[in-house]
């Protein structure tokens, strides 16, 4: 006669790992109390402006690469895909200038954190 053993999964407590995570989180927030309590909106605007500038640079490079890919697609004979890639790349690369132009048109450029040059 064969004896069948039922294998049951071990129940491990998650409490130690949760306590470690809570302790790490609590210890990481202590240096934040030593920071200055003054808040400057100029610092925030500068940070947002720099972040948007980095995003716009990546978008411009991506747009240019899409236009180049479209040219290669047309050369291969895939004209429809090439045209769509060129149009999409031009839209992606020109988006920051178009948005800044809308800011200028509607008079929001004094509060704008976006800049692509002088118009």
Protein backbone atom coordinates (compact mmCIF):
# COMPACT_ATOMS: atom_id res chain seq x y z
CA UNK A 1 0.00 0.00 0.00
CA UNK A 2 1.31 3.41 -0.96
CA UNK A 3 1.14 6.29 1.51
CA UNK A 4 0.32 9.65 -0.03
CA UNK A 5 1.69 12.70 1.69
CA UNK A 6 0.07 16.01 1.05
CA UNK A 7 2.68 18.71 0.71
CA UNK A 8 1.47 21.97 2.20
CA UNK A 9 3.15 25.26 1.46
CA UNK A 10 4.92 26.88 4.35
CA UNK A 11 3.25 29.98 5.65
CA UNK A 12 5.94 32.57 6.12
CA UNK A 13 5.21 35.80 7.84
CA UNK A 14 5.68 39.02 5.90
CA UNK A 15 5.90 41.04 9.08
CA UNK A 16 9.74 41.15 9.29
CA UNK A 17 10.10 42.42 5.72
CA UNK A 18 7.36 45.01 6.28
CA UNK A 19 9.07 46.20 9.45
CA UNK A 20 12.39 46.55 7.63
CA UNK A 21 10.72 48.52 4.82
CA UNK A 22 8.99 50.80 7.35
CA UNK A 23 12.27 51.36 9.23
CA UNK A 24 14.15 52.23 6.04
CA UNK A 25 11.40 54.66 5.02
CA UNK A 26 11.36 56.29 8.46
CA UNK A 27 15.15 56.65 8.55
CA UNK A 28 15.20 58.17 5.06
CA UNK A 29 12.71 60.89 6.00
CA UNK A 30 14.77 62.19 8.93
CA UNK A 31 17.18 64.24 6.73
CA UNK A 32 14.18 65.96 5.14
CA UNK A 33 13.38 67.61 8.49
CA UNK A 34 16.76 69.37 8.40
CA UNK A 35 16.01 71.06 5.09
CA UNK A 36 15.05 74.69 4.85
CA UNK A 37 11.35 75.39 5.22
CA UNK A 38 11.38 78.30 2.77
CA UNK A 39 9.86 77.55 -0.61
CA UNK A 40 10.61 79.55 -3.71
CA UNK A 41 8.35 79.32 -6.73
CA UNK A 42 11.26 80.56 -8.85
CA UNK A 43 13.20 77.41 -8.01
CA UNK A 44 10.21 75.29 -9.00
CA UNK A 45 9.77 77.19 -12.27
CA UNK A 46 13.47 76.81 -13.04
CA UNK A 47 13.31 73.08 -12.36
CA UNK A 48 10.25 72.62 -14.55
CA UNK A 49 11.85 74.69 -17.30
CA UNK A 50 15.03 72.60 -17.22
CA UNK A 51 13.02 69.35 -17.25
CA UNK A 52 10.96 70.51 -20.22
CA UNK A 53 14.12 71.56 -22.04
CA UNK A 54 15.56 68.05 -21.66
CA UNK A 55 12.28 66.51 -22.87
CA UNK A 56 12.22 68.88 -25.86
CA UNK A 57 15.80 67.96 -26.78
CA UNK A 58 14.94 64.25 -26.76
CA UNK A 59 11.78 64.96 -28.80
CA UNK A 60 13.75 66.95 -31.35
CA UNK A 61 16.31 64.17 -31.79
CA UNK A 62 13.51 61.58 -32.05
CA UNK A 63 11.69 63.70 -34.65
CA UNK A 64 14.80 64.10 -36.76
CA UNK A 65 15.48 60.36 -36.61
CA UNK A 66 11.88 59.68 -37.71
CA UNK A 67 12.35 61.97 -40.71
CA UNK A 68 15.59 60.17 -41.63
CA UNK A 69 13.88 56.78 -41.23
CA UNK A 70 11.08 58.00 -43.51
CA UNK A 71 13.61 58.91 -46.17
CA UNK A 72 15.15 55.44 -45.96
CA UNK A 73 11.68 53.84 -46.12
CA UNK A 74 10.87 55.77 -49.30
CA UNK A 75 14.20 54.70 -50.76
CA UNK A 76 13.34 51.06 -50.00
CA UNK A 77 10.05 51.45 -51.86
CA UNK A 78 7.67 51.73 -48.89
CA UNK A 79 6.36 55.15 -49.88
CA UNK A 80 3.28 55.25 -47.62
CA UNK A 81 5.23 54.33 -44.48
CA UNK A 82 7.96 56.79 -45.43
CA UNK A 83 5.54 59.70 -45.87
CA UNK A 84 3.84 58.97 -42.55
CA UNK A 85 7.19 58.76 -40.79
CA UNK A 86 8.35 62.07 -42.27
CA UNK A 87 5.11 63.83 -41.30
CA UNK A 88 5.19 62.36 -37.79
CA UNK A 89 8.84 63.26 -37.32
CA UNK A 90 8.23 66.83 -38.45
CA UNK A 91 5.34 67.15 -35.97
CA UNK A 92 7.42 65.72 -33.12
CA UNK A 93 10.44 67.92 -33.90
CA UNK A 94 8.39 71.11 -34.34
CA UNK A 95 6.09 70.61 -31.33
CA UNK A 96 8.05 72.83 -28.87
CA UNK A 97 8.16 75.74 -31.33
CA UNK A 98 4.44 75.39 -32.09
CA UNK A 99 3.50 75.32 -28.40
CA UNK A 100 5.70 78.33 -27.66
CA UNK A 101 4.06 80.17 -30.58
CA UNK A 102 0.65 79.48 -29.01
CA UNK A 103 1.97 80.85 -25.70
CA UNK A 104 3.05 84.03 -27.53
CA UNK A 105 -0.23 84.35 -29.45
CA UNK A 106 -2.39 84.08 -26.33
CA UNK A 107 -0.11 86.31 -24.24
CA UNK A 108 1.02 83.61 -21.82
CA UNK A 109 4.73 83.93 -22.54
CA UNK A 110 5.46 86.00 -19.41
CA UNK A 111 4.37 83.05 -17.23
CA UNK A 112 5.80 80.41 -19.54
CA UNK A 113 8.36 77.93 -18.33
CA UNK A 114 8.94 76.88 -21.95
CA UNK A 115 11.28 78.66 -24.27
CA UNK A 116 12.67 77.79 -27.67
CA UNK A 117 14.25 81.08 -28.60
CA UNK A 118 13.06 84.49 -29.74
CA UNK A 119 10.28 84.98 -32.24
